[in-house]
Amino acid sequence: MPTAHLSSTLSELERRVLDLDVAAPLVLTARELDALLADPAYHSSLGHPPHATHYRRSLGDGRGLHLVIDADGCAALHWDRYDPHGSPAGMLMHLLTDSPRETIALFAAGSAVLRRLGE
């Protein structure tokens, strides 16, 4: 997807990430991580892996930037096709296309709970 209409609001680092394939992580230096965390456009979020700290930035075209900080402090930034914070439809599409493993896990957990309730 073109990033021209977003380029004035994105940092060089963010533009580089959007030029990568979807979900391809760009490993960050400590300085790059600090710069992203200082940007109020990034909001605390959930994601995979569950033990990591997650932040997301919504983009005007429906996509989203996803910052993942592992427990050991290693950080990476990637983009998702759909921003789960953009709308209920965006969340559904994100679960179906960007994070299908988590969707399967959620359905399995929900199914287990329903089975227990039915006993």
PDB file of N, CA and C in Angstrom:
ATOM      1  N   MET A   1       0.826  -1.180   0.000  1.00  0.00           N
ATOM      2  CA  MET A   1       0.000   0.000   0.000  1.00  0.00           C
ATOM      3  C   MET A   1       0.869   1.241   0.000  1.00  0.00           C
ATOM      4  N   PRO A   2       0.473   2.252  -0.709  1.00  0.00           N
ATOM      5  CA  PRO A   2       1.284   3.462  -0.732  1.00  0.00           C
ATOM      6  C   PRO A   2       1.275   4.150   0.625  1.00  0.00           C
ATOM      7  N   THR A   3       2.404   4.765   0.938  1.00  0.00           N
ATOM      8  CA  THR A   3       2.507   5.476   2.214  1.00  0.00           C
ATOM      9  C   THR A   3       2.640   6.976   2.007  1.00  0.00           C
ATOM     10  N   ALA A   4       2.478   7.455   0.781  1.00  0.00           N
ATOM     11  CA  ALA A   4       2.692   8.870   0.481  1.00  0.00           C
ATOM     12  C   ALA A   4       1.804   9.780   1.330  1.00  0.00           C
ATOM     13  N   HIS A   5       0.512   9.438   1.476  1.00  0.00           N
ATOM     14  CA  HIS A   5      -0.381  10.306   2.238  1.00  0.00           C
ATOM     15  C   HIS A   5      -0.103  10.253   3.734  1.00  0.00           C
ATOM     16  N   LEU A   6       0.642   9.267   4.188  1.00  0.00           N
ATOM     17  CA  LEU A   6       0.980   9.157   5.598  1.00  0.00           C
ATOM     18  C   LEU A   6       2.367   9.710   5.902  1.00  0.00           C
ATOM     19  N   SER A   7       3.175   9.913   4.873  1.00  0.00           N
ATOM     20  CA  SER A   7       4.594  10.193   5.082  1.00  0.00           C
ATOM     21  C   SER A   7       4.869  11.431   5.921  1.00  0.00           C
ATOM     22  N   SER A   8       4.001  12.422   5.862  1.00  0.00           N
ATOM     23  CA  SER A   8       4.276  13.640   6.623  1.00  0.00           C
ATOM     24  C   SER A   8       4.079  13.445   8.121  1.00  0.00           C
ATOM     25  N   THR A   9       3.348  12.436   8.515  1.00  0.00           N
ATOM     26  CA  THR A   9       3.096  12.210   9.936  1.00  0.00           C
ATOM     27  C   THR A   9       3.917  11.062  10.506  1.00  0.00           C
ATOM     28  N   LEU A  10       4.646  10.356   9.669  1.00  0.00           N
ATOM     29  CA  LEU A  10       5.410   9.200  10.115  1.00  0.00           C
ATOM     30  C   LEU A  10       6.901   9.507  10.158  1.00  0.00           C
ATOM     31  N   SER A  11       7.581   8.864  11.084  1.00  0.00           N
ATOM     32  CA  SER A  11       9.031   9.000  11.148  1.00  0.00           C
ATOM     33  C   SER A  11       9.668   8.164  10.032  1.00  0.00           C
ATOM     34  N   GLU A  12      10.924   8.397   9.794  1.00  0.00           N
ATOM     35  CA  GLU A  12      11.662   7.609   8.796  1.00  0.00           C
ATOM     36  C   GLU A  12      11.620   6.131   9.165  1.00  0.00           C
ATOM     37  N   LEU A  13      11.761   5.827  10.426  1.00  0.00           N
ATOM     38  CA  LEU A  13      11.705   4.446  10.899  1.00  0.00           C
ATOM     39  C   LEU A  13      10.360   3.808  10.579  1.00  0.00           C
ATOM     40  N   GLU A  14       9.281   4.508  10.847  1.00  0.00           N
ATOM     41  CA  GLU A  14       7.945   3.977  10.567  1.00  0.00           C
ATOM     42  C   GLU A  14       7.731   3.774   9.072  1.00  0.00           C
ATOM     43  N   ARG A  15       8.230   4.682   8.264  1.00  0.00           N
ATOM     44  CA  ARG A  15       8.116   4.521   6.806  1.00  0.00           C
ATOM     45  C   ARG A  15       8.899   3.303   6.334  1.00  0.00           C
ATOM     46  N   ARG A  16      10.070   3.070   6.934  1.00  0.00           N
ATOM     47  CA  ARG A  16      10.860   1.880   6.574  1.00  0.00           C
ATOM     48  C   ARG A  16      10.094   0.608   6.901  1.00  0.00           C
ATOM     49  N   VAL A  17       9.427   0.578   8.051  1.00  0.00           N
ATOM     50  CA  VAL A  17       8.658  -0.612   8.440  1.00  0.00           C
ATOM     51  C   VAL A  17       7.527  -0.856   7.452  1.00  0.00           C
ATOM     52  N   LEU A  18       6.846   0.209   7.029  1.00  0.00           N
ATOM     53  CA  LEU A  18       5.738   0.052   6.086  1.00  0.00           C
ATOM     54  C   LEU A  18       6.201  -0.402   4.709  1.00  0.00           C
ATOM     55  N   ASP A  19       7.474  -0.250   4.411  1.00  0.00           N
ATOM     56  CA  ASP A  19       8.008  -0.751   3.146  1.00  0.00           C
ATOM     57  C   ASP A  19       8.331  -2.243   3.207  1.00  0.00           C
ATOM     58  N   LEU A  20       8.333  -2.818   4.415  1.00  0.00           N
ATOM     59  CA  LEU A  20       8.582  -4.247   4.579  1.00  0.00           C
ATOM     60  C   LEU A  20       7.294  -5.031   4.339  1.00  0.00           C
ATOM     61  N   ASP A  21       7.426  -6.340   4.238  1.00  0.00           N
ATOM     62  CA  ASP A  21       6.244  -7.195   4.135  1.00  0.00           C
ATOM     63  C   ASP A  21       5.432  -7.092   5.419  1.00  0.00           C
ATOM     64  N   VAL A  22       4.142  -7.363   5.322  1.00  0.00           N
ATOM     65  CA  VAL A  22       3.277  -7.337   6.492  1.00  0.00           C
ATOM     66  C   VAL A  22       3.839  -8.273   7.563  1.00  0.00           C
ATOM     67  N   ALA A  23       3.844  -7.807   8.801  1.00  0.00           N
ATOM     68  CA  ALA A  23       4.293  -8.550   9.987  1.00  0.00           C
ATOM     69  C   ALA A  23       5.798  -8.809  10.019  1.00  0.00           C
ATOM     70  N   ALA A  24       6.556  -8.337   9.025  1.00  0.00           N
ATOM     71  CA  ALA A  24       8.016  -8.514   9.050  1.00  0.00           C
ATOM     72  C   ALA A  24       8.589  -7.571  10.105  1.00  0.00           C
ATOM     73  N   PRO A  25       9.247  -8.115  11.123  1.00  0.00           N
ATOM     74  CA  PRO A  25       9.721  -7.252  12.214  1.00  0.00           C
ATOM     75  C   PRO A  25      11.001  -6.505  11.861  1.00  0.00           C
ATOM     76  N   LEU A  26      11.068  -5.276  12.307  1.00  0.00           N
ATOM     77  CA  LEU A  26      12.291  -4.486  12.225  1.00  0.00           C
ATOM     78  C   LEU A  26      12.804  -4.350  13.649  1.00  0.00           C
ATOM     79  N   VAL A  27      13.955  -4.965  13.936  1.00  0.00           N
ATOM     80  CA  VAL A  27      14.528  -4.907  15.276  1.00  0.00           C
ATOM     81  C   VAL A  27      15.008  -3.486  15.537  1.00  0.00           C
ATOM     82  N   LEU A  28      14.702  -2.991  16.726  1.00  0.00           N
ATOM     83  CA  LEU A  28      14.970  -1.598  17.070  1.00  0.00           C
ATOM     84  C   LEU A  28      16.167  -1.456  17.998  1.00  0.00           C
ATOM     85  N   THR A  29      16.850  -0.336  17.856  1.00  0.00           N
ATOM     86  CA  THR A  29      17.885   0.026  18.813  1.00  0.00           C
ATOM     87  C   THR A  29      17.191   0.658  20.026  1.00  0.00           C
ATOM     88  N   ALA A  30      17.930   0.824  21.114  1.00  0.00           N
ATOM     89  CA  ALA A  30      17.368   1.455  22.308  1.00  0.00           C
ATOM     90  C   ALA A  30      16.917   2.879  21.996  1.00  0.00           C
ATOM     91  N   ARG A  31      17.666   3.598  21.187  1.00  0.00           N
ATOM     92  CA  ARG A  31      17.310   4.976  20.823  1.00  0.00           C
ATOM     93  C   ARG A  31      16.014   5.011  20.000  1.00  0.00           C
ATOM     94  N   GLU A  32      15.890   4.087  19.047  1.00  0.00           N
ATOM     95  CA  GLU A  32      14.665   4.024  18.232  1.00  0.00           C
ATOM     96  C   GLU A  32      13.457   3.683  19.099  1.00  0.00           C
ATOM     97  N   LEU A  33      13.640   2.747  20.024  1.00  0.00           N
ATOM     98  CA  LEU A  33      12.553   2.379  20.922  1.00  0.00           C
ATOM     99  C   LEU A  33      12.128   3.569  21.772  1.00  0.00           C
ATOM    100  N   ASP A  34      13.077   4.272  22.334  1.00  0.00           N
ATOM    101  CA  ASP A  34      12.758   5.446  23.155  1.00  0.00           C
ATOM    102  C   ASP A  34      11.983   6.489  22.356  1.00  0.00           C
ATOM    103  N   ALA A  35      12.375   6.698  21.108  1.00  0.00           N
ATOM    104  CA  ALA A  35      11.684   7.684  20.260  1.00  0.00           C
ATOM    105  C   ALA A  35      10.233   7.267  20.017  1.00  0.00           C
ATOM    106  N   LEU A  36       9.999   5.985  19.760  1.00  0.00           N
ATOM    107  CA  LEU A  36       8.630   5.526  19.531  1.00  0.00           C
ATOM    108  C   LEU A  36       7.794   5.622  20.808  1.00  0.00           C
ATOM    109  N   LEU A  37       8.369   5.249  21.936  1.00  0.00           N
ATOM    110  CA  LEU A  37       7.632   5.307  23.197  1.00  0.00           C
ATOM    111  C   LEU A  37       7.306   6.743  23.600  1.00  0.00           C
ATOM    112  N   ALA A  38       8.091   7.700  23.140  1.00  0.00           N
ATOM    113  CA  ALA A  38       7.830   9.110  23.440  1.00  0.00           C
ATOM    114  C   ALA A  38       6.704   9.679  22.581  1.00  0.00           C
ATOM    115  N   ASP A  39       6.346   8.976  21.519  1.00  0.00           N
ATOM    116  CA  ASP A  39       5.302   9.436  20.605  1.00  0.00           C
ATOM    117  C   ASP A  39       3.930   9.106  21.193  1.00  0.00           C
ATOM    118  N   PRO A  40       3.087  10.109  21.452  1.00  0.00           N
ATOM    119  CA  PRO A  40       1.771   9.842  22.053  1.00  0.00           C
ATOM    120  C   PRO A  40       0.823   9.078  21.135  1.00  0.00           C
ATOM    121  N   ALA A  41       1.195   8.868  19.874  1.00  0.00           N
ATOM    122  CA  ALA A  41       0.345   8.101  18.963  1.00  0.00           C
ATOM    123  C   ALA A  41       0.352   6.613  19.309  1.00  0.00           C
ATOM    124  N   TYR A  42       1.338   6.170  20.084  1.00  0.00           N
ATOM    125  CA  TYR A  42       1.420   4.757  20.471  1.00  0.00           C
ATOM    126  C   TYR A  42       0.660   4.541  21.771  1.00  0.00           C
ATOM    127  N   HIS A  43      -0.218   3.532  21.751  1.00  0.00           N
ATOM    128  CA  HIS A  43      -1.055   3.227  22.904  1.00  0.00           C
ATOM    129  C   HIS A  43      -0.816   1.788  23.349  1.00  0.00           C
ATOM    130  N   SER A  44      -0.894   1.567  24.643  1.00  0.00           N
ATOM    131  CA  SER A  44      -0.742   0.230  25.205  1.00  0.00           C
ATOM    132  C   SER A  44      -1.777  -0.704  24.587  1.00  0.00           C
ATOM    133  N   SER A  45      -1.377  -1.958  24.348  1.00  0.00           N
ATOM    134  CA  SER A  45      -2.245  -2.897  23.673  1.00  0.00           C
ATOM    135  C   SER A  45      -1.942  -4.316  24.137  1.00  0.00           C
ATOM    136  N   LEU A  46      -2.597  -5.257  23.511  1.00  0.00           N
ATOM    137  CA  LEU A  46      -2.354  -6.676  23.732  1.00  0.00           C
ATOM    138  C   LEU A  46      -1.788  -7.263  22.454  1.00  0.00           C
ATOM    139  N   GLY A  47      -1.221  -8.457  22.552  1.00  0.00           N
ATOM    140  CA  GLY A  47      -0.723  -9.107  21.359  1.00  0.00           C
ATOM    141  C   GLY A  47       0.048 -10.361  21.687  1.00  0.00           C
ATOM    142  N   HIS A  48       0.688 -10.871  20.663  1.00  0.00           N
ATOM    143  CA  HIS A  48       1.487 -12.091  20.787  1.00  0.00           C
ATOM    144  C   HIS A  48       2.949 -11.712  20.657  1.00  0.00           C
ATOM    145  N   PRO A  49       3.820 -12.227  21.463  1.00  0.00           N
ATOM    146  CA  PRO A  49       3.615 -13.183  22.544  1.00  0.00           C
ATOM    147  C   PRO A  49       3.017 -12.510  23.771  1.00  0.00           C
ATOM    148  N   PRO A  50       2.274 -13.273  24.566  1.00  0.00           N
ATOM    149  CA  PRO A  50       1.572 -12.679  25.706  1.00  0.00           C
ATOM    150  C   PRO A  50       2.493 -12.140  26.798  1.00  0.00           C
ATOM    151  N   HIS A  51       3.720 -12.637  26.899  1.00  0.00           N
ATOM    152  CA  HIS A  51       4.637 -12.163  27.944  1.00  0.00           C
ATOM    153  C   HIS A  51       5.328 -10.851  27.575  1.00  0.00           C
ATOM    154  N   ALA A  52       5.127 -10.377  26.361  1.00  0.00           N
ATOM    155  CA  ALA A  52       5.756  -9.137  25.899  1.00  0.00           C
ATOM    156  C   ALA A  52       4.854  -7.939  26.216  1.00  0.00           C
ATOM    157  N   THR A  53       5.427  -6.755  26.117  1.00  0.00           N
ATOM    158  CA  THR A  53       4.674  -5.510  26.238  1.00  0.00           C
ATOM    159  C   THR A  53       4.373  -5.022  24.825  1.00  0.00           C
ATOM    160  N   HIS A  54       3.150  -4.590  24.598  1.00  0.00           N
ATOM    161  CA  HIS A  54       2.704  -4.225  23.252  1.00  0.00           C
ATOM    162  C   HIS A  54       2.171  -2.799  23.217  1.00  0.00           C
ATOM    163  N   TYR A  55       2.496  -2.119  22.120  1.00  0.00           N
ATOM    164  CA  TYR A  55       1.969  -0.783  21.834  1.00  0.00           C
ATOM    165  C   TYR A  55       1.548  -0.765  20.372  1.00  0.00           C
ATOM    166  N   ARG A  56       0.521   0.010  20.076  1.00  0.00           N
ATOM    167  CA  ARG A  56       0.043   0.123  18.693  1.00  0.00           C
ATOM    168  C   ARG A  56      -0.182   1.585  18.331  1.00  0.00           C
ATOM    169  N   ARG A  57       0.019   1.834  17.039  1.00  0.00           N
ATOM    170  CA  ARG A  57      -0.293   3.143  16.470  1.00  0.00           C
ATOM    171  C   ARG A  57      -1.255   2.929  15.308  1.00  0.00           C
ATOM    172  N   SER A  58      -2.392   3.577  15.356  1.00  0.00           N
ATOM    173  CA  SER A  58      -3.374   3.498  14.276  1.00  0.00           C
ATOM    174  C   SER A  58      -2.930   4.379  13.125  1.00  0.00           C
ATOM    175  N   LEU A  59      -3.139   3.890  11.921  1.00  0.00           N
ATOM    176  CA  LEU A  59      -2.839   4.663  10.718  1.00  0.00           C
ATOM    177  C   LEU A  59      -4.153   5.020  10.033  1.00  0.00           C
ATOM    178  N   GLY A  60      -4.195   6.116   9.357  1.00  0.00           N
ATOM    179  CA  GLY A  60      -5.420   6.609   8.739  1.00  0.00           C
ATOM    180  C   GLY A  60      -6.006   5.726   7.655  1.00  0.00           C
ATOM    181  N   ASP A  61      -5.224   4.786   7.149  1.00  0.00           N
ATOM    182  CA  ASP A  61      -5.714   3.924   6.067  1.00  0.00           C
ATOM    183  C   ASP A  61      -6.228   2.578   6.566  1.00  0.00           C
ATOM    184  N   GLY A  62      -6.380   2.414   7.886  1.00  0.00           N
ATOM    185  CA  GLY A  62      -6.906   1.167   8.439  1.00  0.00           C
ATOM    186  C   GLY A  62      -5.846   0.203   8.939  1.00  0.00           C
ATOM    187  N   ARG A  63      -4.601   0.434   8.533  1.00  0.00           N
ATOM    188  CA  ARG A  63      -3.521  -0.420   9.020  1.00  0.00           C
ATOM    189  C   ARG A  63      -3.071   0.058  10.387  1.00  0.00           C
ATOM    190  N   GLY A  64      -2.144  -0.695  10.983  1.00  0.00           N
ATOM    191  CA  GLY A  64      -1.617  -0.291  12.267  1.00  0.00           C
ATOM    192  C   GLY A  64      -0.173  -0.695  12.425  1.00  0.00           C
ATOM    193  N   LEU A  65       0.562   0.069  13.197  1.00  0.00           N
ATOM    194  CA  LEU A  65       1.932  -0.275  13.569  1.00  0.00           C
ATOM    195  C   LEU A  65       1.883  -0.958  14.922  1.00  0.00           C
ATOM    196  N   HIS A  66       2.655  -2.019  15.083  1.00  0.00           N
ATOM    197  CA  HIS A  66       2.636  -2.826  16.309  1.00  0.00           C
ATOM    198  C   HIS A  66       4.061  -2.915  16.844  1.00  0.00           C
ATOM    199  N   LEU A  67       4.262  -2.354  18.021  1.00  0.00           N
ATOM    200  CA  LEU A  67       5.546  -2.352  18.704  1.00  0.00           C
ATOM    201  C   LEU A  67       5.512  -3.440  19.766  1.00  0.00           C
ATOM    202  N   VAL A  68       6.483  -4.359  19.706  1.00  0.00           N
ATOM    203  CA  VAL A  68       6.557  -5.493  20.634  1.00  0.00           C
ATOM    204  C   VAL A  68       7.875  -5.410  21.389  1.00  0.00           C
ATOM    205  N   ILE A  69       7.787  -5.389  22.721  1.00  0.00           N
ATOM    206  CA  ILE A  69       8.978  -5.349  23.567  1.00  0.00           C
ATOM    207  C   ILE A  69       9.000  -6.626  24.395  1.00  0.00           C
ATOM    208  N   ASP A  70       9.956  -7.497  24.113  1.00  0.00           N
ATOM    209  CA  ASP A  70      10.072  -8.752  24.847  1.00  0.00           C
ATOM    210  C   ASP A  70      10.501  -8.506  26.287  1.00  0.00           C
ATOM    211  N   ALA A  71      10.312  -9.511  27.117  1.00  0.00           N
ATOM    212  CA  ALA A  71      10.676  -9.404  28.532  1.00  0.00           C
ATOM    213  C   ALA A  71      12.160  -9.089  28.712  1.00  0.00           C
ATOM    214  N   ASP A  72      12.996  -9.494  27.749  1.00  0.00           N
ATOM    215  CA  ASP A  72      14.437  -9.227  27.844  1.00  0.00           C
ATOM    216  C   ASP A  72      14.812  -7.842  27.330  1.00  0.00           C
ATOM    217  N   GLY A  73      13.824  -7.052  26.926  1.00  0.00           N
ATOM    218  CA  GLY A  73      14.072  -5.692  26.460  1.00  0.00           C
ATOM    219  C   GLY A  73      14.266  -5.554  24.963  1.00  0.00           C
ATOM    220  N   CYS A  74      14.376  -6.664  24.238  1.00  0.00           N
ATOM    221  CA  CYS A  74      14.490  -6.585  22.774  1.00  0.00           C
ATOM    222  C   CYS A  74      13.167  -6.086  22.207  1.00  0.00           C
ATOM    223  N   ALA A  75      13.256  -5.177  21.248  1.00  0.00           N
ATOM    224  CA  ALA A  75      12.050  -4.569  20.685  1.00  0.00           C
ATOM    225  C   ALA A  75      12.068  -4.658  19.174  1.00  0.00           C
ATOM    226  N   ALA A  76      10.869  -4.784  18.606  1.00  0.00           N
ATOM    227  CA  ALA A  76      10.714  -4.819  17.154  1.00  0.00           C
ATOM    228  C   ALA A  76       9.401  -4.138  16.794  1.00  0.00           C
ATOM    229  N   LEU A  77       9.372  -3.589  15.601  1.00  0.00           N
ATOM    230  CA  LEU A  77       8.187  -2.911  15.080  1.00  0.00           C
ATOM    231  C   LEU A  77       7.795  -3.584  13.773  1.00  0.00           C
ATOM    232  N   HIS A  78       6.488  -3.829  13.602  1.00  0.00           N
ATOM    233  CA  HIS A  78       5.969  -4.331  12.329  1.00  0.00           C
ATOM    234  C   HIS A  78       4.618  -3.674  12.072  1.00  0.00           C
ATOM    235  N   TRP A  79       4.083  -3.908  10.875  1.00  0.00           N
ATOM    236  CA  TRP A  79       2.761  -3.358  10.577  1.00  0.00           C
ATOM    237  C   TRP A  79       1.781  -4.495  10.357  1.00  0.00           C
ATOM    238  N   ASP A  80       0.530  -4.219  10.678  1.00  0.00           N
ATOM    239  CA  ASP A  80      -0.567  -5.163  10.494  1.00  0.00           C
ATOM    240  C   ASP A  80      -1.510  -4.638   9.428  1.00  0.00           C
ATOM    241  N   ARG A  81      -2.118  -5.551   8.699  1.00  0.00           N
ATOM    242  CA  ARG A  81      -3.065  -5.163   7.653  1.00  0.00           C
ATOM    243  C   ARG A  81      -4.247  -4.380   8.223  1.00  0.00           C
ATOM    244  N   TYR A  82      -4.679  -4.794   9.417  1.00  0.00           N
ATOM    245  CA  TYR A  82      -5.855  -4.180  10.037  1.00  0.00           C
ATOM    246  C   TYR A  82      -5.514  -3.764  11.459  1.00  0.00           C
ATOM    247  N   ASP A  83      -5.910  -2.559  11.808  1.00  0.00           N
ATOM    248  CA  ASP A  83      -5.691  -2.039  13.148  1.00  0.00           C
ATOM    249  C   ASP A  83      -6.809  -2.528  14.062  1.00  0.00           C
ATOM    250  N   PRO A  84      -6.488  -3.342  15.077  1.00  0.00           N
ATOM    251  CA  PRO A  84      -7.552  -3.852  15.953  1.00  0.00           C
ATOM    252  C   PRO A  84      -8.208  -2.779  16.808  1.00  0.00           C
ATOM    253  N   HIS A  85      -7.596  -1.613  16.932  1.00  0.00           N
ATOM    254  CA  HIS A  85      -8.176  -0.526  17.708  1.00  0.00           C
ATOM    255  C   HIS A  85      -9.001   0.420  16.845  1.00  0.00           C
ATOM    256  N   GLY A  86      -9.008   0.205  15.531  1.00  0.00           N
ATOM    257  CA  GLY A  86      -9.694   1.128  14.627  1.00  0.00           C
ATOM    258  C   GLY A  86     -11.201   1.040  14.659  1.00  0.00           C
ATOM    259  N   SER A  87     -11.724  -0.174  14.754  1.00  0.00           N
ATOM    260  CA  SER A  87     -13.171  -0.387  14.734  1.00  0.00           C
ATOM    261  C   SER A  87     -13.437  -1.851  15.070  1.00  0.00           C
ATOM    262  N   PRO A  88     -14.680  -2.202  15.395  1.00  0.00           N
ATOM    263  CA  PRO A  88     -14.981  -3.621  15.609  1.00  0.00           C
ATOM    264  C   PRO A  88     -14.668  -4.465  14.368  1.00  0.00           C
ATOM    265  N   ALA A  89     -14.960  -3.931  13.189  1.00  0.00           N
ATOM    266  CA  ALA A  89     -14.637  -4.668  11.963  1.00  0.00           C
ATOM    267  C   ALA A  89     -13.125  -4.818  11.810  1.00  0.00           C
ATOM    268  N   GLY A  90     -12.379  -3.766  12.158  1.00  0.00           N
ATOM    269  CA  GLY A  90     -10.922  -3.845  12.103  1.00  0.00           C
ATOM    270  C   GLY A  90     -10.379  -4.888  13.053  1.00  0.00           C
ATOM    271  N   MET A  91     -10.978  -4.976  14.245  1.00  0.00           N
ATOM    272  CA  MET A  91     -10.538  -5.991  15.200  1.00  0.00           C
ATOM    273  C   MET A  91     -10.806  -7.394  14.662  1.00  0.00           C
ATOM    274  N   LEU A  92     -11.995  -7.604  14.120  1.00  0.00           N
ATOM    275  CA  LEU A  92     -12.329  -8.911  13.559  1.00  0.00           C
ATOM    276  C   LEU A  92     -11.391  -9.271  12.416  1.00  0.00           C
ATOM    277  N   MET A  93     -11.169  -8.340  11.504  1.00  0.00           N
ATOM    278  CA  MET A  93     -10.280  -8.613  10.369  1.00  0.00           C
ATOM    279  C   MET A  93      -8.847  -8.839  10.848  1.00  0.00           C
ATOM    280  N   HIS A  94      -8.422  -8.106  11.884  1.00  0.00           N
ATOM    281  CA  HIS A  94      -7.080  -8.316  12.442  1.00  0.00           C
ATOM    282  C   HIS A  94      -6.958  -9.736  12.984  1.00  0.00           C
ATOM    283  N   LEU A  95      -7.960 -10.171  13.728  1.00  0.00           N
ATOM    284  CA  LEU A  95      -7.917 -11.528  14.288  1.00  0.00           C
ATOM    285  C   LEU A  95      -7.905 -12.590  13.197  1.00  0.00           C
ATOM    286  N   LEU A  96      -8.652 -12.363  12.137  1.00  0.00           N
ATOM    287  CA  LEU A  96      -8.746 -13.365  11.069  1.00  0.00           C
ATOM    288  C   LEU A  96      -7.526 -13.392  10.159  1.00  0.00           C
ATOM    289  N   THR A  97      -6.900 -12.229   9.926  1.00  0.00           N
ATOM    290  CA  THR A  97      -5.813 -12.196   8.944  1.00  0.00           C
ATOM    291  C   THR A  97      -4.429 -11.991   9.555  1.00  0.00           C
ATOM    292  N   ASP A  98      -4.327 -11.128  10.559  1.00  0.00           N
ATOM    293  CA  ASP A  98      -3.021 -10.798  11.115  1.00  0.00           C
ATOM    294  C   ASP A  98      -2.617 -11.698  12.275  1.00  0.00           C
ATOM    295  N   SER A  99      -3.573 -12.273  12.973  1.00  0.00           N
ATOM    296  CA  SER A  99      -3.239 -13.103  14.136  1.00  0.00           C
ATOM    297  C   SER A  99      -4.142 -14.328  14.229  1.00  0.00           C
ATOM    298  N   PRO A 100      -4.126 -15.171  13.200  1.00  0.00           N
ATOM    299  CA  PRO A 100      -5.021 -16.337  13.214  1.00  0.00           C
ATOM    300  C   PRO A 100      -4.719 -17.324  14.346  1.00  0.00           C
ATOM    301  N   ARG A 101      -3.460 -17.426  14.790  1.00  0.00           N
ATOM    302  CA  ARG A 101      -3.158 -18.341  15.904  1.00  0.00           C
ATOM    303  C   ARG A 101      -3.899 -17.923  17.167  1.00  0.00           C
ATOM    304  N   GLU A 102      -3.931 -16.627  17.430  1.00  0.00           N
ATOM    305  CA  GLU A 102      -4.625 -16.143  18.613  1.00  0.00           C
ATOM    306  C   GLU A 102      -6.127 -16.382  18.488  1.00  0.00           C
ATOM    307  N   THR A 103      -6.664 -16.246  17.286  1.00  0.00           N
ATOM    308  CA  THR A 103      -8.085 -16.484  17.062  1.00  0.00           C
ATOM    309  C   THR A 103      -8.427 -17.933  17.358  1.00  0.00           C
ATOM    310  N   ILE A 104      -7.608 -18.846  16.871  1.00  0.00           N
ATOM    311  CA  ILE A 104      -7.835 -20.274  17.124  1.00  0.00           C
ATOM    312  C   ILE A 104      -7.767 -20.558  18.622  1.00  0.00           C
ATOM    313  N   ALA A 105      -6.789 -19.961  19.301  1.00  0.00           N
ATOM    314  CA  ALA A 105      -6.664 -20.160  20.744  1.00  0.00           C
ATOM    315  C   ALA A 105      -7.886 -19.615  21.479  1.00  0.00           C
ATOM    316  N   LEU A 106      -8.391 -18.444  21.055  1.00  0.00           N
ATOM    317  CA  LEU A 106      -9.582 -17.878  21.688  1.00  0.00           C
ATOM    318  C   LEU A 106     -10.801 -18.768  21.481  1.00  0.00           C
ATOM    319  N   PHE A 107     -10.970 -19.281  20.269  1.00  0.00           N
ATOM    320  CA  PHE A 107     -12.100 -20.172  20.009  1.00  0.00           C
ATOM    321  C   PHE A 107     -11.973 -21.461  20.809  1.00  0.00           C
ATOM    322  N   ALA A 108     -10.767 -22.001  20.914  1.00  0.00           N
ATOM    323  CA  ALA A 108     -10.558 -23.224  21.696  1.00  0.00           C
ATOM    324  C   ALA A 108     -10.879 -22.990  23.163  1.00  0.00           C
ATOM    325  N   ALA A 109     -10.429 -21.856  23.704  1.00  0.00           N
ATOM    326  CA  ALA A 109     -10.709 -21.546  25.102  1.00  0.00           C
ATOM    327  C   ALA A 109     -12.208 -21.341  25.316  1.00  0.00           C
ATOM    328  N   GLY A 110     -12.844 -20.621  24.411  1.00  0.00           N
ATOM    329  CA  GLY A 110     -14.289 -20.408  24.513  1.00  0.00           C
ATOM    330  C   GLY A 110     -15.063 -21.701  24.426  1.00  0.00           C
ATOM    331  N   SER A 111     -14.631 -22.583  23.547  1.00  0.00           N
ATOM    332  CA  SER A 111     -15.272 -23.877  23.406  1.00  0.00           C
ATOM    333  C   SER A 111     -15.125 -24.703  24.683  1.00  0.00           C
ATOM    334  N   ALA A 112     -13.954 -24.675  25.284  1.00  0.00           N
ATOM    335  CA  ALA A 112     -13.716 -25.406  26.527  1.00  0.00           C
ATOM    336  C   ALA A 112     -14.614 -24.874  27.651  1.00  0.00           C
ATOM    337  N   VAL A 113     -14.745 -23.558  27.730  1.00  0.00           N
ATOM    338  CA  VAL A 113     -15.602 -22.960  28.751  1.00  0.00           C
ATOM    339  C   VAL A 113     -17.058 -23.374  28.525  1.00  0.00           C
ATOM    340  N   LEU A 114     -17.512 -23.315  27.289  1.00  0.00           N
ATOM    341  CA  LEU A 114     -18.891 -23.701  26.992  1.00  0.00           C
ATOM    342  C   LEU A 114     -19.148 -25.169  27.300  1.00  0.00           C
ATOM    343  N   ARG A 115     -18.178 -26.029  27.008  1.00  0.00           N
ATOM    344  CA  ARG A 115     -18.313 -27.451  27.334  1.00  0.00           C
ATOM    345  C   ARG A 115     -18.440 -27.639  28.844  1.00  0.00           C
ATOM    346  N   ARG A 116     -17.623 -26.917  29.603  1.00  0.00           N
ATOM    347  CA  ARG A 116     -17.656 -27.010  31.078  1.00  0.00           C
ATOM    348  C   ARG A 116     -19.007 -26.531  31.604  1.00  0.00           C
ATOM    349  N   LEU A 117     -19.500 -25.435  31.037  1.00  0.00           N
ATOM    350  CA  LEU A 117     -20.791 -24.913  31.479  1.00  0.00           C
ATOM    351  C   LEU A 117     -21.926 -25.861  31.156  1.00  0.00           C
ATOM    352  N   GLY A 118     -21.783 -26.623  30.071  1.00  0.00           N
ATOM    353  CA  GLY A 118     -22.814 -27.561  29.646  1.00  0.00           C
ATOM    354  C   GLY A 118     -22.813 -28.855  30.429  1.00  0.00           C
ATOM    355  N   GLU A 119     -21.788 -29.091  31.217  1.00  0.00           N
ATOM    356  CA  GLU A 119     -21.714 -30.343  31.989  1.00  0.00           C
ATOM    357  C   GLU A 119     -22.639 -30.332  33.168  1.00  0.00           C
TER     358      GLU A 119
END
